[in-house]
C-alpha atoms as a PDB file:
ATOM      1  CA  MET A   1      98.155 120.253  78.626  1.00  0.00           C
ATOM      2  CA  THR A   2     101.894 120.192  80.084  1.00  0.00           C
ATOM      3  CA  ALA A   3     101.962 118.602  83.478  1.00  0.00           C
ATOM      4  CA  THR A   4     102.977 121.608  86.526  1.00  0.00           C
ATOM      5  CA  PRO A   5     106.690 120.665  87.964  1.00  0.00           C
ATOM      6  CA  THR A   6     106.752 119.754  91.467  1.00  0.00           C
ATOM      7  CA  VAL A   7     109.632 122.191  91.751  1.00  0.00           C
ATOM      8  CA  ARG A   8     110.096 125.988  90.488  1.00  0.00           C
ATOM      9  CA  THR A   9     111.853 128.513  92.147  1.00  0.00           C
ATOM     10  CA  TYR A  10     112.380 132.129  90.600  1.00  0.00           C
ATOM     11  CA  HIS A  11     115.141 134.520  91.640  1.00  0.00           C
ATOM     12  CA  LEU A  12     115.844 132.487  94.679  1.00  0.00           C
ATOM     13  CA  THR A  13     118.223 134.070  96.757  1.00  0.00           C
ATOM     14  CA  LYS A  14     119.620 133.500 100.244  1.00  0.00           C
ATOM     15  CA  GLN A  15     122.280 135.430 101.838  1.00  0.00           C
ATOM     16  CA  PHE A  16     124.205 135.403 105.021  1.00  0.00           C
ATOM     17  CA  ASP A  17     125.720 138.613 106.280  1.00  0.00           C
ATOM     18  CA  ASN A  18     127.507 139.330 103.006  1.00  0.00           C
ATOM     19  CA  HIS A  19     127.907 136.021 101.678  1.00  0.00           C
ATOM     20  CA  VAL A  20     125.474 135.215  99.056  1.00  0.00           C
ATOM     21  CA  ALA A  21     125.027 131.162  99.437  1.00  0.00           C
ATOM     22  CA  VAL A  22     122.286 130.566  97.304  1.00  0.00           C
ATOM     23  CA  ASN A  23     121.901 133.756  94.103  1.00  0.00           C
ATOM     24  CA  HIS A  24     118.964 134.374  92.137  1.00  0.00           C
ATOM     25  CA  LEU A  25     118.255 130.611  91.084  1.00  0.00           C
ATOM     26  CA  ASP A  26     115.796 129.647  88.665  1.00  0.00           C
ATOM     27  CA  LEU A  27     115.114 125.811  88.869  1.00  0.00           C
ATOM     28  CA  GLN A  28     112.816 123.712  87.620  1.00  0.00           C
ATOM     29  CA  ILE A  29     111.793 119.622  88.360  1.00  0.00           C
ATOM     30  CA  GLU A  30     109.501 117.836  86.849  1.00  0.00           C
ATOM     31  CA  ARG A  31     106.889 115.446  88.216  1.00  0.00           C
ATOM     32  CA  GLY A  32     108.818 111.897  88.953  1.00  0.00           C
ATOM     33  CA  GLU A  33     112.135 112.544  88.019  1.00  0.00           C
ATOM     34  CA  VAL A  34     115.508 111.986  90.436  1.00  0.00           C
ATOM     35  CA  TYR A  35     117.290 115.164  90.140  1.00  0.00           C
ATOM     36  CA  GLY A  36     120.607 114.823  91.001  1.00  0.00           C
ATOM     37  CA  LEU A  37     122.256 118.462  92.549  1.00  0.00           C
ATOM     38  CA  ILE A  38     126.153 118.424  92.192  1.00  0.00           C
ATOM     39  CA  GLY A  39     128.564 121.282  93.502  1.00  0.00           C
ATOM     40  CA  PRO A  40     132.079 121.496  95.482  1.00  0.00           C
ATOM     41  CA  ASN A  41     131.367 122.573  98.846  1.00  0.00           C
ATOM     42  CA  GLY A  42     129.982 125.624  99.712  1.00  0.00           C
ATOM     43  CA  ALA A  43     128.404 125.752  96.309  1.00  0.00           C
ATOM     44  CA  GLY A  44     125.347 126.760  98.264  1.00  0.00           C
ATOM     45  CA  LYS A  45     123.500 122.832  97.333  1.00  0.00           C
ATOM     46  CA  THR A  46     122.534 122.518 101.274  1.00  0.00           C
ATOM     47  CA  THR A  47     121.007 126.083 101.534  1.00  0.00           C
ATOM     48  CA  LEU A  48     119.065 125.307  98.436  1.00  0.00           C
ATOM     49  CA  ILE A  49     117.689 121.874  99.912  1.00  0.00           C
ATOM     50  CA  ARG A  50     116.830 123.516 102.802  1.00  0.00           C
ATOM     51  CA  MET A  51     115.256 126.170 101.513  1.00  0.00           C
ATOM     52  CA  LEU A  52     113.149 123.844  99.940  1.00  0.00           C
ATOM     53  CA  ALA A  53     112.211 121.451 102.835  1.00  0.00           C
ATOM     54  CA  ALA A  54     111.006 125.047 104.365  1.00  0.00           C
ATOM     55  CA  ALA A  55     113.691 124.342 107.277  1.00  0.00           C
ATOM     56  CA  GLU A  56     115.252 127.952 105.663  1.00  0.00           C
ATOM     57  CA  GLU A  57     113.599 131.512 105.068  1.00  0.00           C
ATOM     58  CA  PRO A  58     114.802 132.582 101.555  1.00  0.00           C
ATOM     59  CA  THR A  59     115.803 135.840 101.103  1.00  0.00           C
ATOM     60  CA  ALA A  60     114.358 136.875  98.488  1.00  0.00           C
ATOM     61  CA  GLY A  61     112.739 135.075  95.594  1.00  0.00           C
ATOM     62  CA  GLU A  62     109.652 132.545  95.286  1.00  0.00           C
ATOM     63  CA  ILE A  63     109.289 128.545  95.864  1.00  0.00           C
ATOM     64  CA  TYR A  64     106.726 126.540  94.464  1.00  0.00           C
ATOM     65  CA  ILE A  65     105.947 123.120  94.975  1.00  0.00           C
ATOM     66  CA  ASN A  66     103.062 121.335  92.822  1.00  0.00           C
ATOM     67  CA  GLY A  67     102.178 125.019  91.968  1.00  0.00           C
ATOM     68  CA  ALA A  68     101.413 126.052  94.966  1.00  0.00           C
ATOM     69  CA  ARG A  69     103.519 128.878  96.573  1.00  0.00           C
ATOM     70  CA  PHE A  70     105.400 129.194  99.771  1.00  0.00           C
ATOM     71  CA  LEU A  71     104.683 132.065 102.094  1.00  0.00           C
ATOM     72  CA  ARG A  72     107.400 133.684 103.318  1.00  0.00           C
ATOM     73  CA  GLY A  73     106.880 134.368 107.406  1.00  0.00           C
ATOM     74  CA  GLN A  74     103.591 131.326 107.412  1.00  0.00           C
ATOM     75  CA  ASN A  75     103.968 128.165 108.887  1.00  0.00           C
ATOM     76  CA  ASN A  76     102.681 126.424 105.374  1.00  0.00           C
ATOM     77  CA  PRO A  77     101.726 123.262 106.643  1.00  0.00           C
ATOM     78  CA  GLU A  78      99.495 122.134 103.951  1.00  0.00           C
ATOM     79  CA  LEU A  79     102.932 122.130 101.149  1.00  0.00           C
ATOM     80  CA  LYS A  80     105.232 120.637 104.116  1.00  0.00           C
ATOM     81  CA  ARG A  81     102.757 117.648 103.961  1.00  0.00           C
ATOM     82  CA  GLN A  82     104.179 117.112 100.347  1.00  0.00           C
ATOM     83  CA  LEU A  83     107.491 117.258 101.533  1.00  0.00           C
ATOM     84  CA  GLY A  84     109.660 114.446 102.794  1.00  0.00           C
ATOM     85  CA  TYR A  85     113.199 115.674 104.127  1.00  0.00           C
ATOM     86  CA  LEU A  86     116.748 113.810 104.765  1.00  0.00           C
ATOM     87  CA  PRO A  87     119.486 116.000 106.361  1.00  0.00           C
ATOM     88  CA  ASP A  88     123.085 114.742 106.549  1.00  0.00           C
ATOM     89  CA  ASP A  89     122.668 115.265 110.367  1.00  0.00           C
ATOM     90  CA  PHE A  90     119.215 114.108 111.641  1.00  0.00           C
ATOM     91  CA  PRO A  91     119.425 112.613 114.757  1.00  0.00           C
ATOM     92  CA  LEU A  92     118.133 109.507 115.888  1.00  0.00           C
ATOM     93  CA  TYR A  93     117.085 108.001 118.747  1.00  0.00           C
ATOM     94  CA  ASP A  94     118.758 105.323 119.746  1.00  0.00           C
ATOM     95  CA  ASP A  95     116.857 103.879 122.724  1.00  0.00           C
ATOM     96  CA  LEU A  96     113.542 103.397 120.863  1.00  0.00           C
ATOM     97  CA  THR A  97     112.884 100.258 118.398  1.00  0.00           C
ATOM     98  CA  VAL A  98     112.659 100.917 114.911  1.00  0.00           C
ATOM     99  CA  TRP A  99     108.803 100.230 114.845  1.00  0.00           C
ATOM    100  CA  ASP A 100     108.140 102.485 117.979  1.00  0.00           C
ATOM    101  CA  TYR A 101     110.692 105.446 115.893  1.00  0.00           C
ATOM    102  CA  LEU A 102     108.836 105.433 113.001  1.00  0.00           C
ATOM    103  CA  ASP A 103     105.332 105.419 114.368  1.00  0.00           C
ATOM    104  CA  TYR A 104     106.430 108.279 116.600  1.00  0.00           C
ATOM    105  CA  PHE A 105     106.890 110.203 113.560  1.00  0.00           C
ATOM    106  CA  ALA A 106     103.770 108.561 111.631  1.00  0.00           C
ATOM    107  CA  ARG A 107     101.672 110.164 114.451  1.00  0.00           C
ATOM    108  CA  LEU A 108     102.925 113.443 113.983  1.00  0.00           C
ATOM    109  CA  TYR A 109     101.659 113.289 110.925  1.00  0.00           C
ATOM    110  CA  PHE A 110      98.243 112.380 112.131  1.00  0.00           C
ATOM    111  CA  LEU A 111      97.927 109.077 110.479  1.00  0.00           C
ATOM    112  CA  ARG A 112      95.985 107.048 112.388  1.00  0.00           C
ATOM    113  CA  ASP A 113      95.252 103.219 112.241  1.00  0.00           C
ATOM    114  CA  PRO A 114      95.049 100.788 110.567  1.00  0.00           C
ATOM    115  CA  GLN A 115      96.043 103.166 108.051  1.00  0.00           C
ATOM    116  CA  ARG A 116      98.903 104.065 109.975  1.00  0.00           C
ATOM    117  CA  SER A 117      99.837 100.331 110.871  1.00  0.00           C
ATOM    118  CA  GLN A 118      99.796  99.625 107.160  1.00  0.00           C
ATOM    119  CA  ARG A 119     102.075 102.576 106.055  1.00  0.00           C
ATOM    120  CA  LEU A 120     104.822 101.150 108.762  1.00  0.00           C
ATOM    121  CA  HIS A 121     104.835  97.938 107.383  1.00  0.00           C
ATOM    122  CA  GLU A 122     105.035  99.319 103.643  1.00  0.00           C
ATOM    123  CA  VAL A 123     107.860 101.509 104.598  1.00  0.00           C
ATOM    124  CA  ILE A 124     109.683  98.854 106.670  1.00  0.00           C
ATOM    125  CA  GLU A 125     109.672  96.362 103.557  1.00  0.00           C
ATOM    126  CA  LEU A 126     110.989  99.059 101.354  1.00  0.00           C
ATOM    127  CA  VAL A 127     113.703  99.499 103.440  1.00  0.00           C
ATOM    128  CA  GLU A 128     114.733  95.579 104.125  1.00  0.00           C
ATOM    129  CA  LEU A 129     114.661  96.362 107.956  1.00  0.00           C
ATOM    130  CA  GLU A 130     111.810  93.689 108.608  1.00  0.00           C
ATOM    131  CA  GLN A 131     113.597  91.760 110.600  1.00  0.00           C
ATOM    132  CA  LYS A 132     115.058  94.467 112.716  1.00  0.00           C
ATOM    133  CA  LYS A 133     111.478  95.986 113.620  1.00  0.00           C
ATOM    134  CA  ASP A 134     111.547  95.101 116.756  1.00  0.00           C
ATOM    135  CA  GLU A 135     115.366  95.781 117.695  1.00  0.00           C
ATOM    136  CA  ALA A 136     116.645  99.167 119.616  1.00  0.00           C
ATOM    137  CA  ILE A 137     118.015 101.571 117.201  1.00  0.00           C
ATOM    138  CA  ALA A 138     121.290 101.214 118.780  1.00  0.00           C
ATOM    139  CA  THR A 139     122.237  97.767 117.633  1.00  0.00           C
ATOM    140  CA  LEU A 140     121.920  99.238 113.813  1.00  0.00           C
ATOM    141  CA  SER A 141     124.567  99.104 111.476  1.00  0.00           C
ATOM    142  CA  ARG A 142     125.051 102.622 109.823  1.00  0.00           C
ATOM    143  CA  GLY A 143     123.949 101.769 106.701  1.00  0.00           C
ATOM    144  CA  MET A 144     120.551 100.282 108.364  1.00  0.00           C
ATOM    145  CA  LYS A 145     120.294 103.419 110.342  1.00  0.00           C
ATOM    146  CA  GLN A 146     120.281 105.343 107.242  1.00  0.00           C
ATOM    147  CA  ARG A 147     117.492 103.342 105.863  1.00  0.00           C
ATOM    148  CA  LEU A 148     115.791 104.081 108.695  1.00  0.00           C
ATOM    149  CA  SER A 149     116.130 108.146 108.411  1.00  0.00           C
ATOM    150  CA  LEU A 150     114.928 107.195 104.825  1.00  0.00           C
ATOM    151  CA  ALA A 151     111.897 105.384 105.963  1.00  0.00           C
ATOM    152  CA  ARG A 152     111.018 108.117 108.491  1.00  0.00           C
ATOM    153  CA  SER A 153     110.919 110.629 105.632  1.00  0.00           C
ATOM    154  CA  ILE A 154     108.817 108.957 103.591  1.00  0.00           C
ATOM    155  CA  ILE A 155     106.708 107.858 106.231  1.00  0.00           C
ATOM    156  CA  HIS A 156     103.296 110.463 105.283  1.00  0.00           C
ATOM    157  CA  ASN A 157     104.350 109.303 101.747  1.00  0.00           C
ATOM    158  CA  PRO A 158     105.259 112.787 100.315  1.00  0.00           C
ATOM    159  CA  THR A 159     104.943 113.939  96.595  1.00  0.00           C
ATOM    160  CA  LEU A 160     108.332 115.251  97.036  1.00  0.00           C
ATOM    161  CA  LEU A 161     111.798 113.783  98.479  1.00  0.00           C
ATOM    162  CA  LEU A 162     114.450 116.166  99.416  1.00  0.00           C
ATOM    163  CA  LEU A 163     118.059 113.943 100.242  1.00  0.00           C
ATOM    164  CA  ASP A 164     121.151 115.501 101.349  1.00  0.00           C
ATOM    165  CA  GLU A 165     124.083 113.207 100.961  1.00  0.00           C
ATOM    166  CA  PRO A 166     122.268 110.174 101.981  1.00  0.00           C
ATOM    167  CA  VAL A 167     125.216 107.965 101.264  1.00  0.00           C
ATOM    168  CA  SER A 168     127.852 109.927 102.645  1.00  0.00           C
ATOM    169  CA  GLY A 169     129.941 107.735 104.741  1.00  0.00           C
ATOM    170  CA  LEU A 170     128.265 104.564 103.376  1.00  0.00           C
ATOM    171  CA  ASP A 171     130.307 101.132 102.354  1.00  0.00           C
ATOM    172  CA  PRO A 172     129.244 100.072  98.705  1.00  0.00           C
ATOM    173  CA  LEU A 173     126.934  97.432  99.726  1.00  0.00           C
ATOM    174  CA  ALA A 174     125.016 100.226 101.616  1.00  0.00           C
ATOM    175  CA  ARG A 175     125.283 102.798  99.158  1.00  0.00           C
ATOM    176  CA  VAL A 176     123.498 100.154  96.663  1.00  0.00           C
ATOM    177  CA  GLN A 177     120.731  99.290  98.979  1.00  0.00           C
ATOM    178  CA  VAL A 178     119.821 103.387  99.287  1.00  0.00           C
ATOM    179  CA  ARG A 179     120.418 103.169  95.443  1.00  0.00           C
ATOM    180  CA  ASN A 180     117.541 100.841  94.832  1.00  0.00           C
ATOM    181  CA  ILE A 181     115.084 102.526  97.255  1.00  0.00           C
ATOM    182  CA  ILE A 182     115.228 105.401  95.584  1.00  0.00           C
ATOM    183  CA  LYS A 183     114.625 103.552  92.320  1.00  0.00           C
ATOM    184  CA  SER A 184     111.295 102.158  93.910  1.00  0.00           C
ATOM    185  CA  LEU A 185     110.383 105.895  95.112  1.00  0.00           C
ATOM    186  CA  GLN A 186     110.808 106.731  92.039  1.00  0.00           C
ATOM    187  CA  GLN A 187     108.952 103.727  90.218  1.00  0.00           C
ATOM    188  CA  GLN A 188     106.071 104.604  92.421  1.00  0.00           C
ATOM    189  CA  GLY A 189     105.634 108.409  91.315  1.00  0.00           C
ATOM    190  CA  MET A 190     107.682 110.491  93.961  1.00  0.00           C
ATOM    191  CA  THR A 191     109.673 113.255  92.763  1.00  0.00           C
ATOM    192  CA  ILE A 192     113.456 113.368  94.518  1.00  0.00           C
ATOM    193  CA  LEU A 193     115.920 115.962  94.588  1.00  0.00           C
ATOM    194  CA  ILE A 194     119.410 114.388  96.050  1.00  0.00           C
ATOM    195  CA  SER A 195     122.211 115.668  96.369  1.00  0.00           C
ATOM    196  CA  SER A 196     125.816 113.984  96.474  1.00  0.00           C
ATOM    197  CA  HIS A 197     129.385 113.886  96.388  1.00  0.00           C
ATOM    198  CA  ILE A 198     129.217 110.391  94.698  1.00  0.00           C
ATOM    199  CA  LEU A 199     129.016 111.119  91.291  1.00  0.00           C
ATOM    200  CA  SER A 200     128.593 107.379  89.990  1.00  0.00           C
ATOM    201  CA  ASP A 201     125.964 106.563  92.552  1.00  0.00           C
ATOM    202  CA  LEU A 202     124.056 109.634  91.031  1.00  0.00           C
ATOM    203  CA  ALA A 203     124.525 109.310  87.676  1.00  0.00           C
ATOM    204  CA  GLU A 204     122.970 105.544  88.427  1.00  0.00           C
ATOM    205  CA  ILE A 205     119.567 106.877  89.554  1.00  0.00           C
ATOM    206  CA  CYS A 206     119.218 110.427  88.381  1.00  0.00           C
ATOM    207  CA  THR A 207     117.023 111.416  85.835  1.00  0.00           C
ATOM    208  CA  SER A 208     118.467 114.876  85.458  1.00  0.00           C
ATOM    209  CA  ILE A 209     121.356 116.603  86.975  1.00  0.00           C
ATOM    210  CA  GLY A 210     121.803 120.751  88.345  1.00  0.00           C
ATOM    211  CA  ILE A 211     125.649 121.750  88.568  1.00  0.00           C
ATOM    212  CA  MET A 212     126.150 124.777  91.059  1.00  0.00           C
ATOM    213  CA  GLU A 213     129.065 126.690  91.912  1.00  0.00           C
ATOM    214  CA  LEU A 214     129.611 129.507  94.133  1.00  0.00           C
ATOM    215  CA  GLY A 215     125.465 129.906  94.580  1.00  0.00           C
ATOM    216  CA  ASN A 216     124.283 129.779  91.272  1.00  0.00           C
ATOM    217  CA  LEU A 217     123.197 127.224  88.951  1.00  0.00           C
ATOM    218  CA  VAL A 218     125.368 126.812  86.042  1.00  0.00           C
ATOM    219  CA  GLU A 219     123.765 123.478  84.627  1.00  0.00           C
ATOM    220  CA  SER A 220     120.716 122.002  84.468  1.00  0.00           C
ATOM    221  CA  SER A 221     119.436 119.465  82.241  1.00  0.00           C
ATOM    222  CA  ARG A 222     118.643 115.669  81.475  1.00  0.00           C
ATOM    223  CA  LEU A 223     121.340 113.640  82.172  1.00  0.00           C
ATOM    224  CA  GLN A 224     120.986 111.558  78.612  1.00  0.00           C
ATOM    225  CA  GLU A 225     120.831 115.290  76.936  1.00  0.00           C
ATOM    226  CA  LEU A 226     123.844 116.269  79.073  1.00  0.00           C
ATOM    227  CA  TYR A 227     126.023 113.102  78.066  1.00  0.00           C
ATOM    228  CA  ASP A 228     125.175 113.618  74.369  1.00  0.00           C
ATOM    229  CA  ARG A 229     126.052 117.302  74.513  1.00  0.00           C
ATOM    230  CA  THR A 230     129.640 116.691  76.296  1.00  0.00           C
ATOM    231  CA  SER A 231     130.481 114.160  73.669  1.00  0.00           C
ATOM    232  CA  GLN A 232     129.007 115.570  70.481  1.00  0.00           C
ATOM    233  CA  ASP A 233     132.561 116.575  69.643  1.00  0.00           C
ATOM    234  CA  GLN A 234     134.929 114.435  71.208  1.00  0.00           C
ATOM    235  CA  GLN A 235     134.708 110.685  71.018  1.00  0.00           C
ATOM    236  CA  GLN A 236     136.151 107.723  72.783  1.00  0.00           C
ATOM    237  CA  ILE A 237     135.939 104.281  71.605  1.00  0.00           C
ATOM    238  CA  LEU A 238     137.161 100.710  72.690  1.00  0.00           C
ATOM    239  CA  ILE A 239     138.435  99.039  69.795  1.00  0.00           C
ATOM    240  CA  SER A 240     139.647  95.243  70.417  1.00  0.00           C
ATOM    241  CA  THR A 241     141.692  92.749  67.685  1.00  0.00           C
ATOM    242  CA  LEU A 242     141.747  89.280  66.886  1.00  0.00           C
ATOM    243  CA  GLY A 243     145.628  90.183  65.550  1.00  0.00           C
ATOM    244  CA  LYS A 244     148.204  92.593  65.981  1.00  0.00           C
ATOM    245  CA  VAL A 245     147.428  95.049  67.976  1.00  0.00           C
ATOM    246  CA  GLU A 246     150.784  97.266  66.172  1.00  0.00           C
ATOM    247  CA  ASP A 247     148.833  96.577  62.998  1.00  0.00           C
ATOM    248  CA  LEU A 248     145.432  98.345  64.193  1.00  0.00           C
ATOM    249  CA  GLN A 249     147.708 101.046  65.439  1.00  0.00           C
ATOM    250  CA  ALA A 250     148.990 101.717  61.984  1.00  0.00           C
ATOM    251  CA  ALA A 251     145.380 101.356  60.879  1.00  0.00           C
ATOM    252  CA  LEU A 252     144.015 104.094  63.142  1.00  0.00           C
ATOM    253  CA  LYS A 253     146.859 106.122  62.121  1.00  0.00           C
ATOM    254  CA  ARG A 254     145.448 106.812  58.509  1.00  0.00           C
ATOM    255  CA  SER A 255     142.808 108.981  60.141  1.00  0.00           C
ATOM    256  CA  PRO A 256     143.454 112.341  60.762  1.00  0.00           C
ATOM    257  CA  GLN A 257     140.524 112.688  63.381  1.00  0.00           C
ATOM    258  CA  ILE A 258     143.038 110.301  65.623  1.00  0.00           C
ATOM    259  CA  GLN A 259     143.799 112.382  68.512  1.00  0.00           C
ATOM    260  CA  GLN A 260     145.254 109.653  70.950  1.00  0.00           C
ATOM    261  CA  VAL A 261     145.597 105.849  71.202  1.00  0.00           C
ATOM    262  CA  GLU A 262     146.196 104.344  74.371  1.00  0.00           C
ATOM    263  CA  VAL A 263     147.244 100.829  74.392  1.00  0.00           C
ATOM    264  CA  LEU A 264     145.457  98.778  77.372  1.00  0.00           C
ATOM    265  CA  THR A 265     147.851  95.622  79.380  1.00  0.00           C
ATOM    266  CA  GLY A 266     146.949  92.091  79.096  1.00  0.00           C
ATOM    267  CA  VAL A 267     144.453  92.328  76.062  1.00  0.00           C
ATOM    268  CA  PRO A 268     144.903  93.216  72.086  1.00  0.00           C
ATOM    269  CA  SER A 269     142.854  96.047  72.748  1.00  0.00           C
ATOM    270  CA  VAL A 270     142.883 100.513  72.369  1.00  0.00           C
ATOM    271  CA  ARG A 271     141.561 102.985  73.725  1.00  0.00           C
ATOM    272  CA  VAL A 272     141.181 106.240  71.094  1.00  0.00           C
ATOM    273  CA  GLU A 273     140.133 109.443  71.253  1.00  0.00           C
ATOM    274  CA  MET A 274     138.843 111.189  68.371  1.00  0.00           C
ATOM    275  CA  THR A 275     137.154 114.301  66.877  1.00  0.00           C
ATOM    276  CA  GLY A 276     134.149 114.360  65.254  1.00  0.00           C
ATOM    277  CA  ASN A 277     130.256 112.378  65.317  1.00  0.00           C
ATOM    278  CA  LEU A 278     128.958 109.422  65.199  1.00  0.00           C
ATOM    279  CA  GLU A 279     129.279 109.237  61.556  1.00  0.00           C
ATOM    280  CA  ASP A 280     133.491 109.626  62.089  1.00  0.00           C
ATOM    281  CA  CYS A 281     132.809 106.785  64.582  1.00  0.00           C
ATOM    282  CA  ALA A 282     131.544 104.708  62.008  1.00  0.00           C
ATOM    283  CA  ASN A 283     133.665 105.664  58.957  1.00  0.00           C
ATOM    284  CA  LEU A 284     136.809 104.640  61.187  1.00  0.00           C
ATOM    285  CA  MET A 285     135.394 101.198  61.252  1.00  0.00           C
ATOM    286  CA  LYS A 286     134.969 101.143  57.603  1.00  0.00           C
ATOM    287  CA  LEU A 287     138.597 102.456  57.491  1.00  0.00           C
ATOM    288  CA  LEU A 288     139.658  99.508  60.034  1.00  0.00           C
ATOM    289  CA  ILE A 289     137.428  96.721  57.867  1.00  0.00           C
ATOM    290  CA  ASP A 290     138.774  97.492  54.882  1.00  0.00           C
ATOM    291  CA  ALA A 291     142.418  97.810  56.218  1.00  0.00           C
ATOM    292  CA  GLY A 292     142.181  93.900  57.136  1.00  0.00           C
ATOM    293  CA  ILE A 293     141.903  94.537  60.682  1.00  0.00           C
ATOM    294  CA  PRO A 294     139.881  91.631  62.350  1.00  0.00           C
ATOM    295  CA  ILE A 295     137.732  93.910  64.552  1.00  0.00           C
ATOM    296  CA  TYR A 296     135.755  91.612  67.325  1.00  0.00           C
ATOM    297  CA  ASN A 297     134.795  94.914  69.547  1.00  0.00           C
ATOM    298  CA  PHE A 298     134.339  98.623  68.092  1.00  0.00           C
ATOM    299  CA  HIS A 299     132.356 100.001  71.601  1.00  0.00           C
ATOM    300  CA  ARG A 300     131.779 104.102  71.378  1.00  0.00           C
ATOM    301  CA  THR A 301     132.220 104.522  75.395  1.00  0.00           C
ATOM    302  CA  GLN A 302     130.212 107.527  77.742  1.00  0.00           C
ATOM    303  CA  GLU A 303     131.744 110.415  79.256  1.00  0.00           C
ATOM    304  CA  THR A 304     131.892 109.722  83.178  1.00  0.00           C
ATOM    305  CA  LEU A 305     129.365 111.893  85.544  1.00  0.00           C
ATOM    306  CA  GLU A 306     133.065 112.946  86.925  1.00  0.00           C
ATOM    307  CA  SER A 307     134.744 113.457  83.865  1.00  0.00           C
ATOM    308  CA  ILE A 308     131.944 116.090  82.471  1.00  0.00           C
ATOM    309  CA  PHE A 309     131.750 118.124  86.576  1.00  0.00           C
ATOM    310  CA  ILE A 310     135.344 118.648  85.948  1.00  0.00           C
ATOM    311  CA  LYS A 311     134.866 119.583  82.326  1.00  0.00           C
ATOM    312  CA  LEU A 312     131.836 122.252  82.842  1.00  0.00           C
ATOM    313  CA  GLY A 313     132.940 123.408  85.916  1.00  0.00           C
ATOM    314  CA  HIS A 314     136.755 124.161  84.417  1.00  0.00           C
ATOM    315  CA  LYS A 315     134.757 126.076  81.978  1.00  0.00           C
ATOM    316  CA  GLN A 316     132.814 128.382  84.311  1.00  0.00           C
ATOM    317  CA  THR A 317     136.373 129.025  86.085  1.00  0.00           C
ATOM    318  CA  SER A 318     138.489 129.566  83.110  1.00  0.00           C
END
């Protein structure tokens, strides 16, 4: 028996006057996944997340959270308790302390002591704000404020966490801290949907990726499957030699599958682009060894999420 997906939508649509922001979108997110949602500005990502968070009413279509259907025009209190939502512009109350701010939201979710105090300690430790719990929010750095906002969105221990651009404007260290929190939440069993323009961050934490274009979900798959599919006919290999790089180049010219050879500066290494599959990579290595090239590194590199997004986006618009 298969587990019920955390998120399932059928023909989900949102129209503003004559503009269709989300167009008959079918989405499925399995339990425990970190699902990355990417796409250009105006693709419909925020509108989709707002509908899943019950902050925006769909024009048409259906939303199911853990198998239960959102009813349009109704409050859906039981379903909303399963959701955590962090928009990119949620306000903070600067005059409150970290503890009082989280305690306020915990009370809104009817958490009672001693469970409420225990939960506050848990989330404050998770977001690494133990030393700041009695400090006013106004004194926090931008990264600390974002971690506090994340703590607020999970104070009631939701099953589904919706994050809209959670690392926007953060420095690299603050982004790493947010990524680590997301990884910890996934390890605890939480399902997470995250949108971001920083694709290298998504590549670090996501199990699946969805690509939106003009309100449509043009791609949705496991991240590793996406990597494998986009690189099955095109390989990129880093090759290093103890000998002369010119000899390595000459040997590579014997393979008709080599499309491009880029000599790297500072080290006797080349980056090779070639057609073919893994077996062809193995045959290339054998060709170099048979040619007497002293190879000490032969590494097949993986396409970046950025290059995959550009490639797939080009296919959709060409």
